[in-house]
C-alpha cells in the first residue's frame, strides 16, 4: 500500500468520515436514527472506494469492499425497518 498507517487518535480523527454526536442526548429512536445515518455514510464512502478499486483493477480489494458494503446495507435496511 506504500503508506504509513495512522497511529494516534488525532490522526484517526483527521481521516474519519463519520462525525461524532457529542453532547447530544438522544432517546433510543434518535440514537438508532444517528446509527442509520452513519451506516448510510459508510455505504456511500464504500461505493466511492469501490469505483477507485475498479479503476485500479484491484479485484481483491473490490471483493473485500463489496462484502463490507453488503453488511452495512443489511444493517441499514434493518434499522430503517425498525424505525418505520
PDB file of N, CA and C in Angstrom:
ATOM      1  N   UNK A   1       0.819  -1.199   0.000  1.00  0.00           N
ATOM      2  CA  UNK A   1       0.000   0.000   0.000  1.00  0.00           C
ATOM      3  C   UNK A   1       0.858   1.257   0.000  1.00  0.00           C
ATOM      4  N   UNK A   2       2.121   1.107   0.321  1.00  0.00           N
ATOM      5  CA  UNK A   2       3.063   2.235   0.309  1.00  0.00           C
ATOM      6  C   UNK A   2       2.623   3.408   1.162  1.00  0.00           C
ATOM      7  N   UNK A   3       2.085   3.143   2.322  1.00  0.00           N
ATOM      8  CA  UNK A   3       1.656   4.221   3.214  1.00  0.00           C
ATOM      9  C   UNK A   3       1.885   3.796   4.657  1.00  0.00           C
ATOM     10  N   UNK A   4       2.073   4.781   5.501  1.00  0.00           N
ATOM     11  CA  UNK A   4       2.206   4.521   6.934  1.00  0.00           C
ATOM     12  C   UNK A   4       0.828   4.697   7.550  1.00  0.00           C
ATOM     13  N   UNK A   5       0.415   3.728   8.345  1.00  0.00           N
ATOM     14  CA  UNK A   5      -0.927   3.794   8.929  1.00  0.00           C
ATOM     15  C   UNK A   5      -0.986   4.829  10.046  1.00  0.00           C
ATOM     16  N   UNK A   6      -2.178   5.350  10.248  1.00  0.00           N
ATOM     17  CA  UNK A   6      -2.408   6.302  11.337  1.00  0.00           C
ATOM     18  C   UNK A   6      -2.173   5.587  12.662  1.00  0.00           C
ATOM     19  N   UNK A   7      -1.590   6.302  13.623  1.00  0.00           N
ATOM     20  CA  UNK A   7      -1.285   5.656  14.885  1.00  0.00           C
ATOM     21  C   UNK A   7      -1.744   6.417  16.113  1.00  0.00           C
ATOM     22  N   UNK A   8      -2.363   7.562  15.900  1.00  0.00           N
ATOM     23  CA  UNK A   8      -2.830   8.334  17.055  1.00  0.00           C
ATOM     24  C   UNK A   8      -4.293   8.712  16.858  1.00  0.00           C
ATOM     25  N   UNK A   9      -4.951   9.004  17.950  1.00  0.00           N
ATOM     26  CA  UNK A   9      -6.352   9.404  17.874  1.00  0.00           C
ATOM     27  C   UNK A   9      -6.506  10.653  17.023  1.00  0.00           C
ATOM     28  N   UNK A  10      -5.587  11.588  17.154  1.00  0.00           N
ATOM     29  CA  UNK A  10      -5.653  12.820  16.364  1.00  0.00           C
ATOM     30  C   UNK A  10      -5.587  12.509  14.866  1.00  0.00           C
ATOM     31  N   UNK A  11      -4.718  11.578  14.475  1.00  0.00           N
ATOM     32  CA  UNK A  11      -4.626  11.191  13.065  1.00  0.00           C
ATOM     33  C   UNK A  11      -5.913  10.509  12.601  1.00  0.00           C
ATOM     34  N   UNK A  12      -6.468   9.646  13.436  1.00  0.00           N
ATOM     35  CA  UNK A  12      -7.715   8.969  13.082  1.00  0.00           C
ATOM     36  C   UNK A  12      -8.853   9.969  12.908  1.00  0.00           C
ATOM     37  N   UNK A  13      -8.896  10.975  13.772  1.00  0.00           N
ATOM     38  CA  UNK A  13      -9.954  11.986  13.679  1.00  0.00           C
ATOM     39  C   UNK A  13      -9.870  12.771  12.378  1.00  0.00           C
ATOM     40  N   UNK A  14      -8.664  12.971  11.863  1.00  0.00           N
ATOM     41  CA  UNK A  14      -8.497  13.666  10.583  1.00  0.00           C
ATOM     42  C   UNK A  14      -8.979  12.806   9.420  1.00  0.00           C
ATOM     43  N   UNK A  15      -8.890  11.489   9.574  1.00  0.00           N
ATOM     44  CA  UNK A  15      -9.218  10.566   8.490  1.00  0.00           C
ATOM     45  C   UNK A  15     -10.667  10.088   8.492  1.00  0.00           C
ATOM     46  N   UNK A  16     -11.356  10.256   9.599  1.00  0.00           N
ATOM     47  CA  UNK A  16     -12.697   9.681   9.720  1.00  0.00           C
ATOM     48  C   UNK A  16     -13.696  10.328   8.768  1.00  0.00           C
ATOM     49  N   UNK A  17     -14.653   9.556   8.365  1.00  0.00           N
ATOM     50  CA  UNK A  17     -15.736  10.053   7.511  1.00  0.00           C
ATOM     51  C   UNK A  17     -17.024  10.231   8.301  1.00  0.00           C
ATOM     52  N   UNK A  18     -17.000   9.834   9.563  1.00  0.00           N
ATOM     53  CA  UNK A  18     -18.174   9.954  10.429  1.00  0.00           C
ATOM     54  C   UNK A  18     -17.969  11.095  11.404  1.00  0.00           C
ATOM     55  N   UNK A  19     -19.042  11.712  11.797  1.00  0.00           N
ATOM     56  CA  UNK A  19     -18.982  12.818  12.752  1.00  0.00           C
ATOM     57  C   UNK A  19     -19.523  12.357  14.099  1.00  0.00           C
ATOM     58  N   UNK A  20     -18.842  12.763  15.151  1.00  0.00           N
ATOM     59  CA  UNK A  20     -19.256  12.399  16.496  1.00  0.00           C
ATOM     60  C   UNK A  20     -20.541  13.132  16.871  1.00  0.00           C
ATOM     61  N   UNK A  21     -21.393  12.461  17.620  1.00  0.00           N
ATOM     62  CA  UNK A  21     -22.658  13.038  18.083  1.00  0.00           C
ATOM     63  C   UNK A  21     -22.499  13.545  19.513  1.00  0.00           C
ATOM     64  N   UNK A  22     -21.366  14.128  19.815  1.00  0.00           N
ATOM     65  CA  UNK A  22     -21.049  14.554  21.185  1.00  0.00           C
ATOM     66  C   UNK A  22     -22.038  15.603  21.686  1.00  0.00           C
ATOM     67  N   UNK A  23     -22.388  15.477  22.946  1.00  0.00           N
ATOM     68  CA  UNK A  23     -23.230  16.473  23.589  1.00  0.00           C
ATOM     69  C   UNK A  23     -24.700  16.383  23.262  1.00  0.00           C
ATOM     70  N   UNK A  24     -25.083  15.404  22.469  1.00  0.00           N
ATOM     71  CA  UNK A  24     -26.497  15.251  22.112  1.00  0.00           C
ATOM     72  C   UNK A  24     -27.084  14.111  22.924  1.00  0.00           C
ATOM     73  N   UNK A  25     -28.108  14.409  23.677  1.00  0.00           N
ATOM     74  CA  UNK A  25     -28.802  13.378  24.448  1.00  0.00           C
ATOM     75  C   UNK A  25     -29.987  12.886  23.634  1.00  0.00           C
ATOM     76  N   UNK A  26     -29.807  11.731  23.023  1.00  0.00           N
ATOM     77  CA  UNK A  26     -30.860  11.159  22.193  1.00  0.00           C
ATOM     78  C   UNK A  26     -31.660  10.134  22.989  1.00  0.00           C
ATOM     79  N   UNK A  27     -32.903   9.998  22.608  1.00  0.00           N
ATOM     80  CA  UNK A  27     -33.666   8.854  23.085  1.00  0.00           C
ATOM     81  C   UNK A  27     -33.249   7.662  22.221  1.00  0.00           C
ATOM     82  N   UNK A  28     -33.804   6.505  22.479  1.00  0.00           N
ATOM     83  CA  UNK A  28     -33.409   5.308  21.733  1.00  0.00           C
ATOM     84  C   UNK A  28     -33.636   5.484  20.237  1.00  0.00           C
ATOM     85  N   UNK A  29     -34.780   6.057  19.858  1.00  0.00           N
ATOM     86  CA  UNK A  29     -35.069   6.269  18.439  1.00  0.00           C
ATOM     87  C   UNK A  29     -34.076   7.214  17.791  1.00  0.00           C
ATOM     88  N   UNK A  30     -33.694   8.258  18.515  1.00  0.00           N
ATOM     89  CA  UNK A  30     -32.714   9.207  17.992  1.00  0.00           C
ATOM     90  C   UNK A  30     -31.344   8.582  17.807  1.00  0.00           C
ATOM     91  N   UNK A  31     -30.960   7.729  18.757  1.00  0.00           N
ATOM     92  CA  UNK A  31     -29.670   7.044  18.637  1.00  0.00           C
ATOM     93  C   UNK A  31     -29.672   6.077  17.460  1.00  0.00           C
ATOM     94  N   UNK A  32     -30.791   5.377  17.259  1.00  0.00           N
ATOM     95  CA  UNK A  32     -30.878   4.452  16.127  1.00  0.00           C
ATOM     96  C   UNK A  32     -30.881   5.207  14.807  1.00  0.00           C
ATOM     97  N   UNK A  33     -31.539   6.368  14.769  1.00  0.00           N
ATOM     98  CA  UNK A  33     -31.539   7.188  13.553  1.00  0.00           C
ATOM     99  C   UNK A  33     -30.127   7.688  13.249  1.00  0.00           C
ATOM    100  N   UNK A  34     -29.374   8.077  14.279  1.00  0.00           N
ATOM    101  CA  UNK A  34     -27.991   8.513  14.082  1.00  0.00           C
ATOM    102  C   UNK A  34     -27.129   7.345  13.596  1.00  0.00           C
ATOM    103  N   UNK A  35     -27.364   6.159  14.140  1.00  0.00           N
ATOM    104  CA  UNK A  35     -26.641   4.970  13.708  1.00  0.00           C
ATOM    105  C   UNK A  35     -26.947   4.660  12.248  1.00  0.00           C
ATOM    106  N   UNK A  36     -28.214   4.782  11.862  1.00  0.00           N
ATOM    107  CA  UNK A  36     -28.605   4.573  10.468  1.00  0.00           C
ATOM    108  C   UNK A  36     -27.885   5.565   9.560  1.00  0.00           C
ATOM    109  N   UNK A  37     -27.849   6.830   9.950  1.00  0.00           N
ATOM    110  CA  UNK A  37     -27.164   7.850   9.147  1.00  0.00           C
ATOM    111  C   UNK A  37     -25.684   7.507   8.985  1.00  0.00           C
ATOM    112  N   UNK A  38     -25.063   6.996  10.037  1.00  0.00           N
ATOM    113  CA  UNK A  38     -23.655   6.605   9.948  1.00  0.00           C
ATOM    114  C   UNK A  38     -23.463   5.422   9.006  1.00  0.00           C
ATOM    115  N   UNK A  39     -24.346   4.439   9.064  1.00  0.00           N
ATOM    116  CA  UNK A  39     -24.253   3.307   8.128  1.00  0.00           C
ATOM    117  C   UNK A  39     -24.400   3.801   6.694  1.00  0.00           C
ATOM    118  N   UNK A  40     -25.310   4.723   6.461  1.00  0.00           N
ATOM    119  CA  UNK A  40     -25.501   5.253   5.109  1.00  0.00           C
ATOM    120  C   UNK A  40     -24.281   6.037   4.640  1.00  0.00           C
ATOM    121  N   UNK A  41     -23.621   6.747   5.550  1.00  0.00           N
ATOM    122  CA  UNK A  41     -22.382   7.450   5.209  1.00  0.00           C
ATOM    123  C   UNK A  41     -21.297   6.452   4.820  1.00  0.00           C
ATOM    124  N   UNK A  42     -21.185   5.377   5.581  1.00  0.00           N
ATOM    125  CA  UNK A  42     -20.188   4.345   5.283  1.00  0.00           C
ATOM    126  C   UNK A  42     -20.484   3.705   3.925  1.00  0.00           C
ATOM    127  N   UNK A  43     -21.747   3.447   3.633  1.00  0.00           N
ATOM    128  CA  UNK A  43     -22.128   2.846   2.350  1.00  0.00           C
ATOM    129  C   UNK A  43     -21.717   3.756   1.196  1.00  0.00           C
ATOM    130  N   UNK A  44     -22.013   5.051   1.310  1.00  0.00           N
ATOM    131  CA  UNK A  44     -21.623   5.995   0.247  1.00  0.00           C
ATOM    132  C   UNK A  44     -20.101   6.026   0.077  1.00  0.00           C
ATOM    133  N   UNK A  45     -19.381   6.013   1.174  1.00  0.00           N
ATOM    134  CA  UNK A  45     -17.913   6.023   1.113  1.00  0.00           C
ATOM    135  C   UNK A  45     -17.381   4.752   0.462  1.00  0.00           C
ATOM    136  N   UNK A  46     -17.950   3.623   0.818  1.00  0.00           N
ATOM    137  CA  UNK A  46     -17.510   2.355   0.229  1.00  0.00           C
ATOM    138  C   UNK A  46     -17.795   2.310  -1.268  1.00  0.00           C
ATOM    139  N   UNK A  47     -18.906   2.891  -1.700  1.00  0.00           N
ATOM    140  CA  UNK A  47     -19.205   2.928  -3.140  1.00  0.00           C
ATOM    141  C   UNK A  47     -18.129   3.715  -3.891  1.00  0.00           C
ATOM    142  N   UNK A  48     -17.702   4.843  -3.316  1.00  0.00           N
ATOM    143  CA  UNK A  48     -16.627   5.627  -3.939  1.00  0.00           C
ATOM    144  C   UNK A  48     -15.330   4.827  -3.964  1.00  0.00           C
ATOM    145  N   UNK A  49     -15.043   4.146  -2.869  1.00  0.00           N
ATOM    146  CA  UNK A  49     -13.822   3.343  -2.799  1.00  0.00           C
ATOM    147  C   UNK A  49     -13.876   2.169  -3.781  1.00  0.00           C
ATOM    148  N   UNK A  50     -15.059   1.616  -3.992  1.00  0.00           N
ATOM    149  CA  UNK A  50     -15.219   0.536  -4.974  1.00  0.00           C
ATOM    150  C   UNK A  50     -14.902   1.030  -6.380  1.00  0.00           C
ATOM    151  N   UNK A  51     -15.329   2.248  -6.694  1.00  0.00           N
ATOM    152  CA  UNK A  51     -15.021   2.827  -8.007  1.00  0.00           C
ATOM    153  C   UNK A  51     -13.511   2.965  -8.181  1.00  0.00           C
ATOM    154  N   UNK A  52     -12.833   3.411  -7.138  1.00  0.00           N
ATOM    155  CA  UNK A  52     -11.379   3.564  -7.195  1.00  0.00           C
ATOM    156  C   UNK A  52     -10.705   2.210  -7.389  1.00  0.00           C
ATOM    157  N   UNK A  53     -11.132   1.210  -6.640  1.00  0.00           N
ATOM    158  CA  UNK A  53     -10.552  -0.132  -6.769  1.00  0.00           C
ATOM    159  C   UNK A  53     -10.787  -0.690  -8.169  1.00  0.00           C
ATOM    160  N   UNK A  54     -11.963  -0.435  -8.732  1.00  0.00           N
ATOM    161  CA  UNK A  54     -12.265  -0.918 -10.083  1.00  0.00           C
ATOM    162  C   UNK A  54     -11.360  -0.237 -11.111  1.00  0.00           C
ATOM    163  N   UNK A  55     -11.166   1.078 -10.964  1.00  0.00           N
ATOM    164  CA  UNK A  55     -10.291   1.810 -11.895  1.00  0.00           C
ATOM    165  C   UNK A  55      -8.860   1.289 -11.836  1.00  0.00           C
ATOM    166  N   UNK A  56      -8.435   0.862 -10.646  1.00  0.00           N
ATOM    167  CA  UNK A  56      -7.078   0.347 -10.474  1.00  0.00           C
ATOM    168  C   UNK A  56      -6.975  -1.140 -10.808  1.00  0.00           C
ATOM    169  N   UNK A  57      -8.107  -1.763 -11.126  1.00  0.00           N
ATOM    170  CA  UNK A  57      -8.114  -3.182 -11.463  1.00  0.00           C
ATOM    171  C   UNK A  57      -7.794  -4.080 -10.282  1.00  0.00           C
ATOM    172  N   UNK A  58      -8.144  -3.648  -9.096  1.00  0.00           N
ATOM    173  CA  UNK A  58      -7.840  -4.392  -7.870  1.00  0.00           C
ATOM    174  C   UNK A  58      -9.050  -5.234  -7.466  1.00  0.00           C
ATOM    175  N   UNK A  59      -9.129  -6.431  -8.029  1.00  0.00           N
ATOM    176  CA  UNK A  59     -10.288  -7.301  -7.809  1.00  0.00           C
ATOM    177  C   UNK A  59     -10.407  -7.751  -6.359  1.00  0.00           C
ATOM    178  N   UNK A  60      -9.296  -8.009  -5.693  1.00  0.00           N
ATOM    179  CA  UNK A  60      -9.337  -8.463  -4.303  1.00  0.00           C
ATOM    180  C   UNK A  60      -9.913  -7.410  -3.379  1.00  0.00           C
ATOM    181  N   UNK A  61      -9.436  -6.178  -3.533  1.00  0.00           N
ATOM    182  CA  UNK A  61      -9.965  -5.082  -2.719  1.00  0.00           C
ATOM    183  C   UNK A  61     -11.421  -4.838  -3.056  1.00  0.00           C
ATOM    184  N   UNK A  62     -11.756  -4.931  -4.338  1.00  0.00           N
ATOM    185  CA  UNK A  62     -13.139  -4.733  -4.767  1.00  0.00           C
ATOM    186  C   UNK A  62     -14.057  -5.747  -4.093  1.00  0.00           C
ATOM    187  N   UNK A  63     -13.638  -7.003  -4.062  1.00  0.00           N
ATOM    188  CA  UNK A  63     -14.438  -8.048  -3.426  1.00  0.00           C
ATOM    189  C   UNK A  63     -14.572  -7.802  -1.924  1.00  0.00           C
ATOM    190  N   UNK A  64     -13.470  -7.427  -1.274  1.00  0.00           N
ATOM    191  CA  UNK A  64     -13.481  -7.147   0.159  1.00  0.00           C
ATOM    192  C   UNK A  64     -14.431  -5.992   0.480  1.00  0.00           C
ATOM    193  N   UNK A  65     -14.323  -4.899  -0.283  1.00  0.00           N
ATOM    194  CA  UNK A  65     -15.175  -3.731  -0.041  1.00  0.00           C
ATOM    195  C   UNK A  65     -16.640  -4.033  -0.330  1.00  0.00           C
ATOM    196  N   UNK A  66     -16.896  -4.864  -1.338  1.00  0.00           N
ATOM    197  CA  UNK A  66     -18.276  -5.246  -1.644  1.00  0.00           C
ATOM    198  C   UNK A  66     -18.893  -5.988  -0.464  1.00  0.00           C
ATOM    199  N   UNK A  67     -18.140  -6.900   0.137  1.00  0.00           N
ATOM    200  CA  UNK A  67     -18.634  -7.623   1.313  1.00  0.00           C
ATOM    201  C   UNK A  67     -18.939  -6.690   2.470  1.00  0.00           C
ATOM    202  N   UNK A  68     -18.044  -5.725   2.711  1.00  0.00           N
ATOM    203  CA  UNK A  68     -18.288  -4.748   3.777  1.00  0.00           C
ATOM    204  C   UNK A  68     -19.543  -3.931   3.488  1.00  0.00           C
ATOM    205  N   UNK A  69     -19.670  -3.484   2.239  1.00  0.00           N
ATOM    206  CA  UNK A  69     -20.822  -2.666   1.868  1.00  0.00           C
ATOM    207  C   UNK A  69     -22.120  -3.450   2.049  1.00  0.00           C
ATOM    208  N   UNK A  70     -22.117  -4.710   1.674  1.00  0.00           N
ATOM    209  CA  UNK A  70     -23.319  -5.531   1.831  1.00  0.00           C
ATOM    210  C   UNK A  70     -23.708  -5.666   3.300  1.00  0.00           C
ATOM    211  N   UNK A  71     -22.726  -5.794   4.185  1.00  0.00           N
ATOM    212  CA  UNK A  71     -23.022  -5.878   5.620  1.00  0.00           C
ATOM    213  C   UNK A  71     -23.647  -4.578   6.127  1.00  0.00           C
ATOM    214  N   UNK A  72     -23.097  -3.446   5.688  1.00  0.00           N
ATOM    215  CA  UNK A  72     -23.645  -2.153   6.112  1.00  0.00           C
ATOM    216  C   UNK A  72     -25.034  -1.920   5.512  1.00  0.00           C
ATOM    217  N   UNK A  73     -25.239  -2.353   4.262  1.00  0.00           N
ATOM    218  CA  UNK A  73     -26.566  -2.223   3.648  1.00  0.00           C
ATOM    219  C   UNK A  73     -27.597  -3.051   4.404  1.00  0.00           C
ATOM    220  N   UNK A  74     -27.217  -4.242   4.821  1.00  0.00           N
ATOM    221  CA  UNK A  74     -28.137  -5.094   5.577  1.00  0.00           C
ATOM    222  C   UNK A  74     -28.504  -4.442   6.906  1.00  0.00           C
ATOM    223  N   UNK A  75     -27.512  -3.919   7.616  1.00  0.00           N
ATOM    224  CA  UNK A  75     -27.783  -3.269   8.894  1.00  0.00           C
ATOM    225  C   UNK A  75     -28.647  -2.027   8.689  1.00  0.00           C
ATOM    226  N   UNK A  76     -28.367  -1.246   7.652  1.00  0.00           N
ATOM    227  CA  UNK A  76     -29.169  -0.050   7.373  1.00  0.00           C
ATOM    228  C   UNK A  76     -30.611  -0.441   7.066  1.00  0.00           C
ATOM    229  N   UNK A  77     -30.784  -1.511   6.311  1.00  0.00           N
ATOM    230  CA  UNK A  77     -32.139  -1.980   5.987  1.00  0.00           C
ATOM    231  C   UNK A  77     -32.882  -2.366   7.262  1.00  0.00           C
ATOM    232  N   UNK A  78     -32.196  -3.088   8.167  1.00  0.00           N
ATOM    233  CA  UNK A  78     -32.843  -3.499   9.419  1.00  0.00           C
ATOM    234  C   UNK A  78     -33.192  -2.286  10.282  1.00  0.00           C
ATOM    235  N   UNK A  79     -32.298  -1.320  10.355  1.00  0.00           N
ATOM    236  CA  UNK A  79     -32.573  -0.119  11.146  1.00  0.00           C
ATOM    237  C   UNK A  79     -33.737   0.673  10.551  1.00  0.00           C
ATOM    238  N   UNK A  80     -33.749   0.816   9.211  1.00  0.00           N
ATOM    239  CA  UNK A  80     -34.864   1.524   8.553  1.00  0.00           C
ATOM    240  C   UNK A  80     -36.184   0.833   8.848  1.00  0.00           C
ATOM    241  N   UNK A  81     -36.190  -0.491   8.765  1.00  0.00           N
ATOM    242  CA  UNK A  81     -37.419  -1.250   9.038  1.00  0.00           C
ATOM    243  C   UNK A  81     -37.878  -1.045  10.471  1.00  0.00           C
ATOM    244  N   UNK A  82     -36.953  -1.030  11.401  1.00  0.00           N
ATOM    245  CA  UNK A  82     -37.295  -0.853  12.808  1.00  0.00           C
ATOM    246  C   UNK A  82     -37.833   0.551  13.070  1.00  0.00           C
ATOM    247  N   UNK A  83     -37.241   1.545  12.434  1.00  0.00           N
ATOM    248  CA  UNK A  83     -37.614   2.939  12.692  1.00  0.00           C
ATOM    249  C   UNK A  83     -38.934   3.350  12.040  1.00  0.00           C
ATOM    250  N   UNK A  84     -39.447   2.543  11.129  1.00  0.00           N
ATOM    251  CA  UNK A  84     -40.721   2.884  10.464  1.00  0.00           C
ATOM    252  C   UNK A  84     -41.876   2.695  11.386  1.00  0.00           C
TER     253      UNK A  84
END
